[in-house]
Amino acid sequence: MTEQSKAADRITLKRANRRPAQPNQIAYTIAQVQEVGGPGRTKTYELVAEGKLKLIRVGGRSRITGASLRSLLGAEEQELSRKDQTNV
């Protein structure tokens, strides 16, 4: 087995062991933010810099608070709803 295939196997195993996101978690990893329909990795960090998402550190790992993510997604949903109503 080559070093490259060993590395690929480790990455695959790591992804397989990752916990799926739950709807009402207290905090999400960046990958879980994407799973629940949030923005991608780069946009997530941009939203943190803009103060629209709150990032906390837990044991040296970055997490996005569930409350800030739900607030952001709810605000986007309301904006889309308003746009739909004006287009009718």
C-alpha atoms as a PDB file:
ATOM      1  CA  MET A   1       0.000   0.000   0.000  1.00  0.00           C
ATOM      2  CA  THR A   2       1.429   3.396  -0.968  1.00  0.00           C
ATOM      3  CA  GLU A   3       1.677   6.390   1.349  1.00  0.00           C
ATOM      4  CA  GLN A   4      -0.881   8.213  -0.780  1.00  0.00           C
ATOM      5  CA  SER A   5      -3.452   5.440  -0.465  1.00  0.00           C
ATOM      6  CA  LYS A   6      -2.818   5.220   3.301  1.00  0.00           C
ATOM      7  CA  ALA A   7      -3.482   8.941   3.618  1.00  0.00           C
ATOM      8  CA  ALA A   8      -6.674   8.624   1.560  1.00  0.00           C
ATOM      9  CA  ASP A   9      -7.841   5.748   3.783  1.00  0.00           C
ATOM     10  CA  ARG A  10      -7.243   7.848   6.924  1.00  0.00           C
ATOM     11  CA  ILE A  11      -9.236  10.762   5.480  1.00  0.00           C
ATOM     12  CA  THR A  12     -12.099   8.466   4.473  1.00  0.00           C
ATOM     13  CA  LEU A  13     -12.167   6.878   7.934  1.00  0.00           C
ATOM     14  CA  LYS A  14     -12.107  10.296   9.604  1.00  0.00           C
ATOM     15  CA  ARG A  15     -15.080  11.461   7.508  1.00  0.00           C
ATOM     16  CA  ALA A  16     -16.995   8.250   8.211  1.00  0.00           C
ATOM     17  CA  ASN A  17     -16.572   8.746  11.963  1.00  0.00           C
ATOM     18  CA  ARG A  18     -17.861  12.329  11.884  1.00  0.00           C
ATOM     19  CA  ARG A  19     -21.165  12.847  13.653  1.00  0.00           C
ATOM     20  CA  PRO A  20     -24.023  14.138  11.515  1.00  0.00           C
ATOM     21  CA  ALA A  21     -25.477  17.522  12.428  1.00  0.00           C
ATOM     22  CA  GLN A  22     -28.660  17.607  14.496  1.00  0.00           C
ATOM     23  CA  PRO A  23     -31.239  20.389  14.082  1.00  0.00           C
ATOM     24  CA  ASN A  24     -30.989  21.889  17.586  1.00  0.00           C
ATOM     25  CA  GLN A  25     -27.337  21.489  18.511  1.00  0.00           C
ATOM     26  CA  ILE A  26     -25.736  24.046  20.811  1.00  0.00           C
ATOM     27  CA  ALA A  27     -22.717  24.409  18.512  1.00  0.00           C
ATOM     28  CA  TYR A  28     -21.691  23.198  15.055  1.00  0.00           C
ATOM     29  CA  THR A  29     -18.386  22.474  13.360  1.00  0.00           C
ATOM     30  CA  ILE A  30     -17.761  24.328  10.112  1.00  0.00           C
ATOM     31  CA  ALA A  31     -18.509  21.113   8.183  1.00  0.00           C
ATOM     32  CA  GLN A  32     -21.796  20.658  10.063  1.00  0.00           C
ATOM     33  CA  VAL A  33     -22.831  24.226   9.194  1.00  0.00           C
ATOM     34  CA  GLN A  34     -22.684  23.170   5.549  1.00  0.00           C
ATOM     35  CA  GLU A  35     -24.653  19.977   6.270  1.00  0.00           C
ATOM     36  CA  VAL A  36     -27.618  21.862   7.717  1.00  0.00           C
ATOM     37  CA  GLY A  37     -27.886  24.104   4.678  1.00  0.00           C
ATOM     38  CA  GLY A  38     -25.714  26.934   5.888  1.00  0.00           C
ATOM     39  CA  PRO A  39     -23.018  28.705   3.918  1.00  0.00           C
ATOM     40  CA  GLY A  40     -19.789  27.108   2.751  1.00  0.00           C
ATOM     41  CA  ARG A  41     -16.519  27.246   4.646  1.00  0.00           C
ATOM     42  CA  THR A  42     -15.205  30.539   3.270  1.00  0.00           C
ATOM     43  CA  LYS A  43     -18.546  32.337   3.565  1.00  0.00           C
ATOM     44  CA  THR A  44     -18.960  31.036   7.118  1.00  0.00           C
ATOM     45  CA  TYR A  45     -15.680  32.670   8.144  1.00  0.00           C
ATOM     46  CA  GLU A  46     -16.704  35.879   6.321  1.00  0.00           C
ATOM     47  CA  LEU A  47     -19.988  35.931   8.271  1.00  0.00           C
ATOM     48  CA  VAL A  48     -18.036  35.453  11.518  1.00  0.00           C
ATOM     49  CA  ALA A  49     -15.830  38.436  10.601  1.00  0.00           C
ATOM     50  CA  GLU A  50     -18.968  40.504   9.849  1.00  0.00           C
ATOM     51  CA  GLY A  51     -20.447  39.553  13.232  1.00  0.00           C
ATOM     52  CA  LYS A  52     -23.399  37.690  11.699  1.00  0.00           C
ATOM     53  CA  LEU A  53     -22.274  34.320  13.084  1.00  0.00           C
ATOM     54  CA  LYS A  54     -20.693  33.741  16.480  1.00  0.00           C
ATOM     55  CA  LEU A  55     -17.600  31.557  16.626  1.00  0.00           C
ATOM     56  CA  ILE A  56     -16.507  30.033  19.925  1.00  0.00           C
ATOM     57  CA  ARG A  57     -13.513  27.894  20.821  1.00  0.00           C
ATOM     58  CA  VAL A  58     -14.101  24.554  22.525  1.00  0.00           C
ATOM     59  CA  GLY A  59     -10.927  22.745  23.451  1.00  0.00           C
ATOM     60  CA  GLY A  60      -9.026  24.659  20.783  1.00  0.00           C
ATOM     61  CA  ARG A  61     -11.559  23.779  18.086  1.00  0.00           C
ATOM     62  CA  SER A  62     -13.770  26.296  16.313  1.00  0.00           C
ATOM     63  CA  ARG A  63     -17.526  25.981  16.655  1.00  0.00           C
ATOM     64  CA  ILE A  64     -20.398  28.134  15.394  1.00  0.00           C
ATOM     65  CA  THR A  65     -23.119  28.662  17.984  1.00  0.00           C
ATOM     66  CA  GLY A  66     -26.423  27.057  17.124  1.00  0.00           C
ATOM     67  CA  ALA A  67     -28.352  30.179  18.112  1.00  0.00           C
ATOM     68  CA  SER A  68     -26.404  32.412  15.712  1.00  0.00           C
ATOM     69  CA  LEU A  69     -26.756  29.892  12.867  1.00  0.00           C
ATOM     70  CA  ARG A  70     -30.510  29.497  13.396  1.00  0.00           C
ATOM     71  CA  SER A  71     -30.848  33.282  13.576  1.00  0.00           C
ATOM     72  CA  LEU A  72     -28.948  33.719  10.306  1.00  0.00           C
ATOM     73  CA  LEU A  73     -30.905  31.008   8.497  1.00  0.00           C
ATOM     74  CA  GLY A  74     -34.200  32.401   9.834  1.00  0.00           C
ATOM     75  CA  ALA A  75     -33.309  35.908   8.654  1.00  0.00           C
ATOM     76  CA  GLU A  76     -32.440  34.596   5.187  1.00  0.00           C
ATOM     77  CA  GLU A  77     -35.732  32.695   5.045  1.00  0.00           C
ATOM     78  CA  GLN A  78     -37.668  35.841   5.969  1.00  0.00           C
ATOM     79  CA  GLU A  79     -35.811  37.852   3.312  1.00  0.00           C
ATOM     80  CA  LEU A  80     -36.653  35.264   0.650  1.00  0.00           C
ATOM     81  CA  SER A  81     -40.275  35.256   1.773  1.00  0.00           C
ATOM     82  CA  ARG A  82     -40.444  39.063   1.478  1.00  0.00           C
ATOM     83  CA  LYS A  83     -38.939  38.939  -2.013  1.00  0.00           C
ATOM     84  CA  ASP A  84     -41.490  36.300  -3.076  1.00  0.00           C
ATOM     85  CA  GLN A  85     -44.372  38.462  -1.814  1.00  0.00           C
ATOM     86  CA  THR A  86     -43.168  41.524  -3.715  1.00  0.00           C
ATOM     87  CA  ASN A  87     -42.809  39.524  -6.935  1.00  0.00           C
ATOM     88  CA  VAL A  88     -46.447  38.355  -6.858  1.00  0.00           C
END
